[in-house]
Amino acid sequence: MSLKNKRSSVKKSVSFSDDNTLTRNNLKKHVDHDNPPVYVRRTTLTVPWHIFALLYYYIYISNSYDTVALLYLLIPLQITYLVFQFNKSTVYGKKLLKIKLPLVLISLCATLLLTIPTTVIIILFGAPLIEKLFETWLLSLHLCFLAYPAVYQVFNGDFKVGLWKRYFVMIVVGAWTSCIVIPLDWDRYWQTWPIPVVVGGYLGALVGYSIGAFI
């Protein structure tokens, strides 16, 4: 067979598939980690409706802005939100991600550990070092557990951190911008550290999870 006939017998195929789902047979070096194959569908399921209720409880019902009681409510509600809402809207390649109960516990532990560097960062940004240390740690607990669904998906999505940055950023922005009311001379009880920052973090999480998939 001539060289010309050999060339004409070769069939070329072009694939337009954008499914970069990782499997055991894929080589990770071929995966574009800047554009991970994990995304959140645009749906009302991602709206954290429970945060509205938590904010209402904290501001209008709780006894003198009880930050500890609010945390006890936040953690189970965030787990419920992850399992029944957020994870059901998270797609890996062409597949919906299934919830993994061992990973739920692992990510809870990871979230708790994240409170240590978060507390240090908050202190470096000007929080009281000694006299309000417990309150600052409580604040870091709230901020980290607000980010818990994103923390879980970092593990569940093969450590693709980039996709979830927007959720962390919105929580941080909400908490940071709320600090402006603390030094004002209004002499309101809710200006006490860390009440405004807790509210700001919740508002940031509410915005982040609601519109994060649209950014």
N, C-alpha and C. Protein backbone atom coordinates (compact mmCIF):
# COMPACT_ATOMS: atom_id res chain seq x y z
N MET A 1 0.85 -1.20 0.00
CA MET A 1 0.00 0.00 0.00
C MET A 1 0.88 1.25 0.00
N SER A 2 0.56 2.15 -0.83
CA SER A 2 1.38 3.36 -0.93
C SER A 2 1.19 4.24 0.29
N LEU A 3 2.18 5.14 0.45
CA LEU A 3 2.13 6.07 1.58
C LEU A 3 0.91 6.95 1.48
N LYS A 4 0.51 7.32 0.27
CA LYS A 4 -0.65 8.18 0.07
C LYS A 4 -1.92 7.48 0.50
N ASN A 5 -2.03 6.16 0.19
CA ASN A 5 -3.21 5.42 0.59
C ASN A 5 -3.28 5.24 2.10
N LYS A 6 -2.12 5.07 2.73
CA LYS A 6 -2.08 4.93 4.19
C LYS A 6 -2.59 6.19 4.86
N ARG A 7 -2.18 7.34 4.33
CA ARG A 7 -2.60 8.60 4.91
C ARG A 7 -4.10 8.81 4.75
N SER A 8 -4.63 8.39 3.59
CA SER A 8 -6.04 8.59 3.35
C SER A 8 -6.90 7.67 4.19
N SER A 9 -6.31 6.57 4.68
CA SER A 9 -7.09 5.63 5.48
C SER A 9 -7.19 6.02 6.94
N VAL A 10 -6.39 7.00 7.33
CA VAL A 10 -6.40 7.44 8.73
C VAL A 10 -7.61 8.33 8.95
N LYS A 11 -8.43 8.00 9.95
CA LYS A 11 -9.61 8.78 10.27
C LYS A 11 -9.33 9.70 11.45
N LYS A 12 -9.67 10.93 11.26
CA LYS A 12 -9.48 11.91 12.33
C LYS A 12 -10.80 12.10 13.07
N SER A 13 -10.71 12.22 14.39
CA SER A 13 -11.90 12.46 15.20
C SER A 13 -11.66 13.66 16.09
N VAL A 14 -12.67 14.48 16.23
CA VAL A 14 -12.59 15.68 17.06
C VAL A 14 -13.66 15.59 18.12
N SER A 15 -13.28 15.81 19.38
CA SER A 15 -14.23 15.76 20.48
C SER A 15 -14.47 17.16 21.02
N PHE A 16 -15.73 17.48 21.17
CA PHE A 16 -16.09 18.78 21.72
C PHE A 16 -16.60 18.64 23.16
N SER A 17 -16.30 17.50 23.77
CA SER A 17 -16.78 17.27 25.13
C SER A 17 -16.03 18.15 26.11
N ASP A 18 -16.77 18.77 27.05
CA ASP A 18 -16.14 19.57 28.10
C ASP A 18 -16.24 18.87 29.44
N ASP A 19 -16.50 17.57 29.41
CA ASP A 19 -16.62 16.80 30.64
C ASP A 19 -15.24 16.38 31.11
N ASN A 20 -14.71 17.10 32.08
CA ASN A 20 -13.39 16.80 32.61
C ASN A 20 -13.48 16.09 33.95
N THR A 21 -14.57 15.34 34.14
CA THR A 21 -14.76 14.65 35.40
C THR A 21 -13.58 13.73 35.69
N LEU A 22 -13.07 13.83 36.93
CA LEU A 22 -11.94 13.01 37.31
C LEU A 22 -12.41 11.61 37.67
N THR A 23 -11.75 10.61 37.13
CA THR A 23 -11.99 9.23 37.52
C THR A 23 -10.64 8.61 37.84
N ARG A 24 -10.69 7.37 38.28
CA ARG A 24 -9.44 6.68 38.60
C ARG A 24 -8.59 6.46 37.35
N ASN A 25 -9.21 6.47 36.18
CA ASN A 25 -8.48 6.23 34.94
C ASN A 25 -7.91 7.50 34.33
N ASN A 26 -8.34 8.67 34.86
CA ASN A 26 -7.83 9.92 34.33
C ASN A 26 -6.52 10.28 35.00
N LEU A 27 -5.67 10.93 34.27
CA LEU A 27 -4.44 11.45 34.85
C LEU A 27 -4.67 12.88 35.30
N LYS A 28 -4.35 13.16 36.55
CA LYS A 28 -4.64 14.48 37.09
C LYS A 28 -3.84 15.57 36.41
N LYS A 29 -2.73 15.21 35.78
CA LYS A 29 -1.93 16.24 35.12
C LYS A 29 -2.63 16.82 33.91
N HIS A 30 -3.68 16.12 33.43
CA HIS A 30 -4.43 16.63 32.30
C HIS A 30 -5.62 17.48 32.71
N VAL A 31 -5.82 17.63 34.01
CA VAL A 31 -6.96 18.38 34.51
C VAL A 31 -6.59 19.85 34.67
N ASP A 32 -7.46 20.72 34.20
CA ASP A 32 -7.25 22.15 34.34
C ASP A 32 -7.77 22.57 35.71
N HIS A 33 -6.86 22.78 36.65
CA HIS A 33 -7.28 23.11 38.00
C HIS A 33 -7.73 24.56 38.14
N ASP A 34 -7.47 25.39 37.15
CA ASP A 34 -7.98 26.76 37.18
C ASP A 34 -9.46 26.80 36.80
N ASN A 35 -9.91 25.80 36.06
CA ASN A 35 -11.32 25.69 35.68
C ASN A 35 -11.80 24.29 36.04
N PRO A 36 -12.00 24.03 37.33
CA PRO A 36 -12.32 22.67 37.78
C PRO A 36 -13.69 22.23 37.27
N PRO A 37 -13.86 20.92 37.07
CA PRO A 37 -15.12 20.40 36.54
C PRO A 37 -16.19 20.28 37.62
N VAL A 38 -16.18 21.20 38.57
CA VAL A 38 -17.18 21.24 39.62
C VAL A 38 -17.85 22.60 39.57
N TYR A 39 -19.17 22.61 39.56
CA TYR A 39 -19.86 23.89 39.57
C TYR A 39 -21.20 23.75 40.29
N VAL A 40 -21.76 24.89 40.66
CA VAL A 40 -23.03 24.92 41.37
C VAL A 40 -24.11 25.38 40.40
N ARG A 41 -25.17 24.60 40.29
CA ARG A 41 -26.25 24.96 39.39
C ARG A 41 -26.99 26.20 39.91
N ARG A 42 -27.49 26.98 38.99
CA ARG A 42 -28.24 28.18 39.36
C ARG A 42 -29.68 27.80 39.70
N THR A 43 -29.94 27.72 40.98
CA THR A 43 -31.25 27.29 41.45
C THR A 43 -31.53 27.92 42.81
N THR A 44 -32.80 28.00 43.15
CA THR A 44 -33.17 28.57 44.45
C THR A 44 -32.80 27.66 45.62
N LEU A 45 -32.41 26.43 45.32
CA LEU A 45 -31.98 25.52 46.38
C LEU A 45 -30.74 26.04 47.10
N THR A 46 -29.92 26.81 46.40
CA THR A 46 -28.69 27.30 47.03
C THR A 46 -28.94 28.48 47.96
N VAL A 47 -30.14 29.04 47.94
CA VAL A 47 -30.45 30.15 48.85
C VAL A 47 -30.55 29.59 50.27
N PRO A 48 -29.73 30.07 51.20
CA PRO A 48 -29.79 29.55 52.58
C PRO A 48 -30.92 30.20 53.36
N TRP A 49 -32.12 29.71 53.16
CA TRP A 49 -33.29 30.32 53.80
C TRP A 49 -33.18 30.32 55.31
N HIS A 50 -32.47 29.37 55.87
CA HIS A 50 -32.37 29.29 57.33
C HIS A 50 -31.60 30.46 57.91
N ILE A 51 -30.75 31.11 57.11
CA ILE A 51 -30.00 32.24 57.64
C ILE A 51 -30.92 33.41 57.94
N PHE A 52 -31.98 33.58 57.15
CA PHE A 52 -32.98 34.59 57.47
C PHE A 52 -33.54 34.35 58.86
N ALA A 53 -33.90 33.09 59.13
CA ALA A 53 -34.48 32.75 60.43
C ALA A 53 -33.47 32.94 61.56
N LEU A 54 -32.22 32.58 61.31
CA LEU A 54 -31.19 32.73 62.33
C LEU A 54 -30.93 34.20 62.66
N LEU A 55 -30.89 35.03 61.64
CA LEU A 55 -30.71 36.47 61.89
C LEU A 55 -31.88 37.05 62.66
N TYR A 56 -33.09 36.64 62.33
CA TYR A 56 -34.27 37.12 63.05
C TYR A 56 -34.21 36.68 64.51
N TYR A 57 -33.83 35.43 64.73
CA TYR A 57 -33.70 34.93 66.10
C TYR A 57 -32.64 35.73 66.87
N TYR A 58 -31.50 35.93 66.25
CA TYR A 58 -30.38 36.59 66.93
C TYR A 58 -30.71 38.04 67.28
N ILE A 59 -31.37 38.74 66.38
CA ILE A 59 -31.61 40.17 66.58
C ILE A 59 -32.85 40.44 67.43
N TYR A 60 -33.91 39.66 67.23
CA TYR A 60 -35.19 40.00 67.85
C TYR A 60 -35.64 39.06 68.96
N ILE A 61 -35.13 37.83 68.98
CA ILE A 61 -35.65 36.86 69.94
C ILE A 61 -34.64 36.49 71.02
N SER A 62 -33.38 36.30 70.65
CA SER A 62 -32.39 35.83 71.62
C SER A 62 -32.19 36.84 72.74
N ASN A 63 -31.73 36.32 73.85
CA ASN A 63 -31.50 37.15 75.04
C ASN A 63 -30.19 37.91 74.90
N SER A 64 -30.28 39.20 74.63
CA SER A 64 -29.10 40.07 74.53
C SER A 64 -28.08 39.55 73.52
N TYR A 65 -28.56 39.23 72.33
CA TYR A 65 -27.69 38.75 71.25
C TYR A 65 -26.82 37.58 71.71
N ASP A 66 -27.48 36.49 72.01
CA ASP A 66 -26.80 35.30 72.52
C ASP A 66 -26.05 34.60 71.39
N THR A 67 -24.77 34.88 71.30
CA THR A 67 -23.94 34.36 70.22
C THR A 67 -23.72 32.85 70.35
N VAL A 68 -23.67 32.35 71.59
CA VAL A 68 -23.46 30.92 71.80
C VAL A 68 -24.70 30.13 71.36
N ALA A 69 -25.87 30.59 71.76
CA ALA A 69 -27.11 29.90 71.36
C ALA A 69 -27.27 29.93 69.84
N LEU A 70 -26.87 31.03 69.23
CA LEU A 70 -26.96 31.13 67.77
C LEU A 70 -26.07 30.09 67.11
N LEU A 71 -24.89 29.85 67.68
CA LEU A 71 -23.96 28.86 67.12
C LEU A 71 -24.55 27.46 67.21
N TYR A 72 -25.21 27.15 68.32
CA TYR A 72 -25.83 25.84 68.48
C TYR A 72 -26.90 25.59 67.43
N LEU A 73 -27.55 26.63 67.00
CA LEU A 73 -28.56 26.51 65.95
C LEU A 73 -27.91 26.45 64.57
N LEU A 74 -26.83 27.19 64.41
CA LEU A 74 -26.19 27.29 63.09
C LEU A 74 -25.64 25.96 62.60
N ILE A 75 -24.92 25.25 63.46
CA ILE A 75 -24.19 24.05 63.02
C ILE A 75 -25.13 22.98 62.45
N PRO A 76 -26.17 22.55 63.17
CA PRO A 76 -27.04 21.52 62.56
C PRO A 76 -27.79 22.02 61.33
N LEU A 77 -28.13 23.31 61.31
CA LEU A 77 -28.83 23.85 60.16
C LEU A 77 -27.92 23.92 58.93
N GLN A 78 -26.64 24.20 59.15
CA GLN A 78 -25.69 24.21 58.04
C GLN A 78 -25.48 22.81 57.47
N ILE A 79 -25.45 21.81 58.35
CA ILE A 79 -25.33 20.43 57.88
C ILE A 79 -26.56 20.04 57.06
N THR A 80 -27.72 20.40 57.56
CA THR A 80 -28.97 20.12 56.84
C THR A 80 -29.00 20.84 55.49
N TYR A 81 -28.55 22.09 55.50
CA TYR A 81 -28.50 22.86 54.26
C TYR A 81 -27.57 22.21 53.24
N LEU A 82 -26.42 21.75 53.71
CA LEU A 82 -25.46 21.08 52.82
C LEU A 82 -26.06 19.83 52.20
N VAL A 83 -26.66 18.99 53.03
CA VAL A 83 -27.14 17.68 52.58
C VAL A 83 -28.34 17.80 51.64
N PHE A 84 -29.29 18.64 52.00
CA PHE A 84 -30.57 18.66 51.29
C PHE A 84 -30.70 19.79 50.26
N GLN A 85 -29.80 20.75 50.29
CA GLN A 85 -29.91 21.86 49.35
C GLN A 85 -28.64 22.07 48.55
N PHE A 86 -27.57 22.46 49.22
CA PHE A 86 -26.36 22.88 48.51
C PHE A 86 -25.73 21.74 47.73
N ASN A 87 -25.60 20.58 48.35
CA ASN A 87 -24.95 19.46 47.66
C ASN A 87 -25.79 18.96 46.48
N LYS A 88 -27.11 19.07 46.58
CA LYS A 88 -27.98 18.65 45.49
C LYS A 88 -27.87 19.56 44.27
N SER A 89 -27.24 20.71 44.45
CA SER A 89 -27.06 21.64 43.34
C SER A 89 -25.63 21.67 42.84
N THR A 90 -24.78 20.83 43.42
CA THR A 90 -23.37 20.81 43.05
C THR A 90 -23.10 19.69 42.06
N VAL A 91 -22.52 20.03 40.93
CA VAL A 91 -22.31 19.08 39.83
C VAL A 91 -20.82 18.87 39.62
N TYR A 92 -20.43 17.62 39.48
CA TYR A 92 -19.04 17.25 39.22
C TYR A 92 -18.99 16.61 37.84
N GLY A 93 -18.45 17.35 36.87
CA GLY A 93 -18.51 16.87 35.50
C GLY A 93 -19.95 16.89 35.03
N LYS A 94 -20.53 15.72 34.82
CA LYS A 94 -21.93 15.59 34.42
C LYS A 94 -22.76 14.88 35.49
N LYS A 95 -22.18 14.73 36.67
CA LYS A 95 -22.85 13.97 37.72
C LYS A 95 -23.10 14.86 38.93
N LEU A 96 -24.26 14.64 39.55
CA LEU A 96 -24.53 15.30 40.82
C LEU A 96 -23.68 14.65 41.90
N LEU A 97 -23.06 15.45 42.73
CA LEU A 97 -22.24 14.90 43.79
C LEU A 97 -23.11 14.26 44.86
N LYS A 98 -22.77 13.05 45.26
CA LYS A 98 -23.48 12.39 46.33
C LYS A 98 -22.87 12.77 47.67
N ILE A 99 -23.72 12.88 48.67
CA ILE A 99 -23.23 13.23 49.99
C ILE A 99 -22.49 12.03 50.58
N LYS A 100 -21.39 12.29 51.25
CA LYS A 100 -20.59 11.24 51.86
C LYS A 100 -20.53 11.51 53.36
N LEU A 101 -21.18 10.66 54.14
CA LEU A 101 -21.30 10.90 55.57
C LEU A 101 -19.95 10.95 56.29
N PRO A 102 -18.98 10.06 55.97
CA PRO A 102 -17.67 10.21 56.62
C PRO A 102 -17.03 11.56 56.32
N LEU A 103 -17.23 12.03 55.11
CA LEU A 103 -16.66 13.32 54.72
C LEU A 103 -17.36 14.47 55.43
N VAL A 104 -18.63 14.30 55.76
CA VAL A 104 -19.35 15.31 56.54
C VAL A 104 -18.65 15.51 57.89
N LEU A 105 -18.28 14.41 58.53
CA LEU A 105 -17.61 14.48 59.83
C LEU A 105 -16.19 15.03 59.69
N ILE A 106 -15.49 14.59 58.65
CA ILE A 106 -14.12 15.08 58.42
C ILE A 106 -14.12 16.58 58.18
N SER A 107 -15.05 17.05 57.37
CA SER A 107 -15.10 18.49 57.07
C SER A 107 -15.54 19.29 58.29
N LEU A 108 -16.35 18.69 59.17
CA LEU A 108 -16.70 19.36 60.43
C LEU A 108 -15.46 19.57 61.29
N CYS A 109 -14.63 18.54 61.37
CA CYS A 109 -13.37 18.66 62.12
C CYS A 109 -12.44 19.69 61.47
N ALA A 110 -12.38 19.67 60.14
CA ALA A 110 -11.54 20.63 59.43
C ALA A 110 -12.04 22.06 59.66
N THR A 111 -13.35 22.23 59.68
CA THR A 111 -13.92 23.56 59.93
C THR A 111 -13.58 24.04 61.33
N LEU A 112 -13.65 23.12 62.29
CA LEU A 112 -13.29 23.48 63.67
C LEU A 112 -11.82 23.87 63.77
N LEU A 113 -10.96 23.16 63.08
CA LEU A 113 -9.53 23.49 63.09
C LEU A 113 -9.26 24.84 62.42
N LEU A 114 -10.07 25.18 61.44
CA LEU A 114 -9.91 26.46 60.74
C LEU A 114 -10.14 27.65 61.65
N THR A 115 -10.83 27.43 62.77
CA THR A 115 -11.09 28.55 63.68
C THR A 115 -9.81 29.08 64.32
N ILE A 116 -8.79 28.24 64.40
CA ILE A 116 -7.53 28.69 65.02
C ILE A 116 -6.84 29.75 64.17
N PRO A 117 -6.53 29.46 62.88
CA PRO A 117 -5.93 30.53 62.07
C PRO A 117 -6.88 31.70 61.85
N THR A 118 -8.19 31.43 61.82
CA THR A 118 -9.15 32.52 61.65
C THR A 118 -9.11 33.46 62.83
N THR A 119 -9.02 32.92 64.04
CA THR A 119 -8.91 33.75 65.24
C THR A 119 -7.65 34.60 65.19
N VAL A 120 -6.54 34.00 64.78
CA VAL A 120 -5.28 34.74 64.69
C VAL A 120 -5.40 35.88 63.68
N ILE A 121 -6.01 35.61 62.53
CA ILE A 121 -6.17 36.64 61.50
C ILE A 121 -7.05 37.78 62.00
N ILE A 122 -8.13 37.44 62.70
CA ILE A 122 -9.03 38.48 63.23
C ILE A 122 -8.29 39.36 64.23
N ILE A 123 -7.46 38.75 65.07
CA ILE A 123 -6.67 39.54 66.04
C ILE A 123 -5.67 40.44 65.32
N LEU A 124 -5.05 39.92 64.27
CA LEU A 124 -4.11 40.73 63.50
C LEU A 124 -4.79 41.92 62.82
N PHE A 125 -6.09 41.78 62.55
CA PHE A 125 -6.85 42.87 61.95
C PHE A 125 -7.39 43.85 62.99
N GLY A 126 -7.03 43.64 64.26
CA GLY A 126 -7.38 44.63 65.26
C GLY A 126 -8.31 44.20 66.37
N ALA A 127 -8.69 42.93 66.43
CA ALA A 127 -9.56 42.47 67.51
C ALA A 127 -8.79 42.47 68.83
N PRO A 128 -9.49 42.63 69.95
CA PRO A 128 -8.82 42.60 71.26
C PRO A 128 -8.08 41.28 71.46
N LEU A 129 -6.87 41.36 71.97
CA LEU A 129 -6.02 40.18 72.08
C LEU A 129 -6.37 39.30 73.27
N ILE A 130 -6.58 39.91 74.44
CA ILE A 130 -6.77 39.14 75.67
C ILE A 130 -8.19 39.26 76.21
N GLU A 131 -8.65 40.48 76.40
CA GLU A 131 -9.90 40.70 77.12
C GLU A 131 -11.13 40.17 76.39
N LYS A 132 -11.07 40.03 75.07
CA LYS A 132 -12.21 39.55 74.30
C LYS A 132 -11.84 38.32 73.48
N LEU A 133 -10.89 37.54 73.99
CA LEU A 133 -10.40 36.40 73.22
C LEU A 133 -11.49 35.36 72.99
N PHE A 134 -12.28 35.07 74.03
CA PHE A 134 -13.35 34.09 73.87
C PHE A 134 -14.38 34.56 72.84
N GLU A 135 -14.74 35.84 72.90
CA GLU A 135 -15.70 36.39 71.94
C GLU A 135 -15.15 36.34 70.52
N THR A 136 -13.83 36.58 70.38
CA THR A 136 -13.21 36.52 69.06
C THR A 136 -13.22 35.10 68.53
N TRP A 137 -12.98 34.13 69.41
CA TRP A 137 -13.03 32.73 68.98
C TRP A 137 -14.46 32.33 68.59
N LEU A 138 -15.45 32.83 69.32
CA LEU A 138 -16.84 32.58 68.95
C LEU A 138 -17.14 33.14 67.57
N LEU A 139 -16.63 34.32 67.31
CA LEU A 139 -16.81 34.93 65.99
C LEU A 139 -16.20 34.04 64.91
N SER A 140 -15.00 33.54 65.15
CA SER A 140 -14.35 32.68 64.16
C SER A 140 -15.13 31.39 63.96
N LEU A 141 -15.74 30.87 65.02
CA LEU A 141 -16.59 29.69 64.90
C LEU A 141 -17.76 29.96 63.97
N HIS A 142 -18.40 31.10 64.16
CA HIS A 142 -19.53 31.45 63.30
C HIS A 142 -19.09 31.59 61.85
N LEU A 143 -18.01 32.31 61.62
CA LEU A 143 -17.55 32.53 60.24
C LEU A 143 -17.16 31.23 59.57
N CYS A 144 -16.47 30.36 60.30
CA CYS A 144 -16.01 29.10 59.70
C CYS A 144 -17.18 28.17 59.42
N PHE A 145 -18.14 28.11 60.33
CA PHE A 145 -19.27 27.22 60.09
C PHE A 145 -20.25 27.80 59.08
N LEU A 146 -20.23 29.11 58.89
CA LEU A 146 -20.97 29.68 57.76
C LEU A 146 -20.36 29.21 56.44
N ALA A 147 -19.06 29.00 56.45
CA ALA A 147 -18.35 28.52 55.26
C ALA A 147 -18.35 27.00 55.15
N TYR A 148 -18.97 26.31 56.10
CA TYR A 148 -18.89 24.85 56.15
C TYR A 148 -19.31 24.15 54.85
N PRO A 149 -20.42 24.52 54.19
CA PRO A 149 -20.75 23.83 52.93
C PRO A 149 -19.64 23.92 51.89
N ALA A 150 -18.98 25.08 51.83
CA ALA A 150 -17.88 25.24 50.89
C ALA A 150 -16.67 24.42 51.32
N VAL A 151 -16.43 24.35 52.64
CA VAL A 151 -15.33 23.53 53.15
C VAL A 151 -15.55 22.06 52.77
N TYR A 152 -16.77 21.59 52.95
CA TYR A 152 -17.09 20.21 52.58
C TYR A 152 -16.82 19.96 51.10
N GLN A 153 -17.24 20.88 50.24
CA GLN A 153 -17.08 20.68 48.81
C GLN A 153 -15.62 20.79 48.37
N VAL A 154 -14.79 21.47 49.15
CA VAL A 154 -13.36 21.48 48.85
C VAL A 154 -12.82 20.06 48.93
N PHE A 155 -13.25 19.31 49.96
CA PHE A 155 -12.83 17.91 50.08
C PHE A 155 -13.52 17.04 49.04
N ASN A 156 -14.79 17.26 48.85
CA ASN A 156 -15.59 16.41 47.97
C ASN A 156 -15.26 16.64 46.49
N GLY A 157 -14.70 17.79 46.16
CA GLY A 157 -14.38 18.12 44.78
C GLY A 157 -12.90 18.03 44.48
N ASP A 158 -12.21 17.08 45.11
CA ASP A 158 -10.80 16.84 44.85
C ASP A 158 -9.95 18.07 45.14
N PHE A 159 -10.25 18.75 46.24
CA PHE A 159 -9.48 19.88 46.74
C PHE A 159 -9.39 21.02 45.73
N LYS A 160 -10.46 21.23 45.00
CA LYS A 160 -10.49 22.35 44.07
C LYS A 160 -10.95 23.60 44.82
N VAL A 161 -10.00 24.32 45.36
CA VAL A 161 -10.31 25.45 46.24
C VAL A 161 -10.82 26.65 45.45
N GLY A 162 -10.31 26.82 44.24
CA GLY A 162 -10.61 28.03 43.48
C GLY A 162 -12.08 28.30 43.29
N LEU A 163 -12.85 27.24 43.05
CA LEU A 163 -14.28 27.42 42.79
C LEU A 163 -15.01 28.00 43.98
N TRP A 164 -14.54 27.68 45.19
CA TRP A 164 -15.27 28.05 46.39
C TRP A 164 -14.78 29.34 47.02
N LYS A 165 -13.80 29.99 46.40
CA LYS A 165 -13.27 31.23 46.96
C LYS A 165 -14.34 32.30 47.12
N ARG A 166 -15.25 32.37 46.15
CA ARG A 166 -16.27 33.41 46.19
C ARG A 166 -17.13 33.31 47.45
N TYR A 167 -17.38 32.08 47.93
CA TYR A 167 -18.20 31.90 49.13
C TYR A 167 -17.44 32.37 50.37
N PHE A 168 -16.16 32.02 50.45
CA PHE A 168 -15.34 32.48 51.57
C PHE A 168 -15.21 34.01 51.53
N VAL A 169 -14.99 34.54 50.35
CA VAL A 169 -14.77 35.98 50.21
C VAL A 169 -16.01 36.77 50.64
N MET A 170 -17.19 36.32 50.24
CA MET A 170 -18.40 37.05 50.60
C MET A 170 -18.62 37.08 52.10
N ILE A 171 -18.30 35.98 52.79
CA ILE A 171 -18.43 35.96 54.25
C ILE A 171 -17.45 36.93 54.88
N VAL A 172 -16.22 36.93 54.39
CA VAL A 172 -15.19 37.84 54.92
C VAL A 172 -15.57 39.29 54.66
N VAL A 173 -16.04 39.59 53.45
CA VAL A 173 -16.42 40.96 53.11
C VAL A 173 -17.57 41.44 53.99
N GLY A 174 -18.56 40.57 54.19
CA GLY A 174 -19.68 40.94 55.06
C GLY A 174 -19.25 41.22 56.47
N ALA A 175 -18.36 40.39 57.01
CA ALA A 175 -17.87 40.59 58.38
C ALA A 175 -17.01 41.85 58.47
N TRP A 176 -16.16 42.05 57.50
CA TRP A 176 -15.23 43.18 57.54
C TRP A 176 -15.96 44.53 57.43
N THR A 177 -16.91 44.63 56.53
CA THR A 177 -17.61 45.90 56.33
C THR A 177 -18.50 46.24 57.52
N SER A 178 -18.95 45.23 58.26
CA SER A 178 -19.81 45.50 59.41
C SER A 178 -19.05 46.13 60.57
N CYS A 179 -17.72 46.09 60.54
CA CYS A 179 -16.92 46.65 61.63
C CYS A 179 -17.07 48.17 61.74
N ILE A 180 -17.57 48.81 60.69
CA ILE A 180 -17.61 50.27 60.69
C ILE A 180 -18.55 50.83 61.75
N VAL A 181 -19.51 50.01 62.21
CA VAL A 181 -20.47 50.53 63.20
C VAL A 181 -19.92 50.46 64.62
N ILE A 182 -18.86 49.70 64.85
CA ILE A 182 -18.36 49.51 66.22
C ILE A 182 -17.81 50.82 66.82
N PRO A 183 -16.99 51.59 66.11
CA PRO A 183 -16.44 52.81 66.73
C PRO A 183 -17.39 54.00 66.76
N LEU A 184 -18.57 53.89 66.16
CA LEU A 184 -19.50 55.02 66.15
C LEU A 184 -20.03 55.28 67.56
N ASP A 185 -20.23 56.55 67.90
CA ASP A 185 -20.62 56.93 69.27
C ASP A 185 -22.14 56.90 69.46
N TRP A 186 -22.75 55.80 69.08
CA TRP A 186 -24.19 55.67 69.23
C TRP A 186 -24.56 55.07 70.57
N ASP A 187 -23.59 54.45 71.23
CA ASP A 187 -23.79 53.82 72.54
C ASP A 187 -24.93 52.80 72.51
N ARG A 188 -24.95 51.99 71.49
CA ARG A 188 -25.93 50.92 71.39
C ARG A 188 -25.30 49.60 71.88
N TYR A 189 -26.11 48.76 72.50
CA TYR A 189 -25.58 47.50 73.01
C TYR A 189 -25.09 46.61 71.87
N TRP A 190 -25.79 46.66 70.74
CA TRP A 190 -25.42 45.78 69.64
C TRP A 190 -24.11 46.19 68.96
N GLN A 191 -23.52 47.30 69.39
CA GLN A 191 -22.20 47.69 68.88
C GLN A 191 -21.07 46.96 69.60
N THR A 192 -21.40 46.20 70.62
CA THR A 192 -20.39 45.47 71.39
C THR A 192 -19.77 44.37 70.54
N TRP A 193 -18.47 44.21 70.68
CA TRP A 193 -17.75 43.16 69.97
C TRP A 193 -18.23 41.79 70.44
N PRO A 194 -18.50 40.83 69.54
CA PRO A 194 -18.39 40.88 68.08
C PRO A 194 -19.76 40.91 67.38
N ILE A 195 -20.78 41.44 68.04
CA ILE A 195 -22.16 41.34 67.54
C ILE A 195 -22.30 41.86 66.10
N PRO A 196 -21.83 43.07 65.78
CA PRO A 196 -22.02 43.54 64.40
C PRO A 196 -21.30 42.67 63.36
N VAL A 197 -20.14 42.14 63.75
CA VAL A 197 -19.36 41.34 62.81
C VAL A 197 -20.04 39.99 62.57
N VAL A 198 -20.67 39.44 63.61
CA VAL A 198 -21.43 38.21 63.44
C VAL A 198 -22.57 38.43 62.45
N VAL A 199 -23.31 39.52 62.64
CA VAL A 199 -24.41 39.83 61.73
C VAL A 199 -23.89 40.04 60.31
N GLY A 200 -22.78 40.75 60.18
CA GLY A 200 -22.19 40.99 58.86
C GLY A 200 -21.76 39.71 58.18
N GLY A 201 -21.18 38.77 58.95
CA GLY A 201 -20.79 37.49 58.39
C GLY A 201 -21.97 36.70 57.87
N TYR A 202 -23.07 36.75 58.62
CA TYR A 202 -24.29 36.05 58.19
C TYR A 202 -24.86 36.69 56.92
N LEU A 203 -24.85 38.00 56.86
CA LEU A 203 -25.34 38.68 55.66
C LEU A 203 -24.46 38.36 54.46
N GLY A 204 -23.13 38.31 54.68
CA GLY A 204 -22.22 37.94 53.60
C GLY A 204 -22.45 36.53 53.11
N ALA A 205 -22.70 35.60 54.05
CA ALA A 205 -22.99 34.22 53.65
C ALA A 205 -24.31 34.13 52.89
N LEU A 206 -25.28 34.91 53.35
CA LEU A 206 -26.58 34.91 52.68
C LEU A 206 -26.45 35.37 51.22
N VAL A 207 -25.68 36.41 51.02
CA VAL A 207 -25.46 36.90 49.66
C VAL A 207 -24.61 35.92 48.85
N GLY A 208 -23.56 35.40 49.47
CA GLY A 208 -22.65 34.50 48.76
C GLY A 208 -23.32 33.24 48.26
N TYR A 209 -24.06 32.57 49.13
CA TYR A 209 -24.71 31.32 48.72
C TYR A 209 -25.90 31.57 47.79
N SER A 210 -26.48 32.76 47.87
CA SER A 210 -27.63 33.07 47.02
C SER A 210 -27.21 33.37 45.59
N ILE A 211 -26.12 34.15 45.45
CA ILE A 211 -25.70 34.57 44.10
C ILE A 211 -24.33 34.00 43.71
N GLY A 212 -23.76 33.16 44.56
CA GLY A 212 -22.42 32.64 44.24
C GLY A 212 -22.36 31.92 42.92
N ALA A 213 -23.44 31.19 42.59
CA ALA A 213 -23.45 30.45 41.33
C ALA A 213 -23.59 31.36 40.12
N PHE A 214 -23.94 32.63 40.33
CA PHE A 214 -24.15 33.57 39.22
C PHE A 214 -22.92 34.44 38.97
N ILE A 215 -21.94 34.38 39.89
CA ILE A 215 -20.77 35.25 39.77
C ILE A 215 -19.76 34.62 38.80
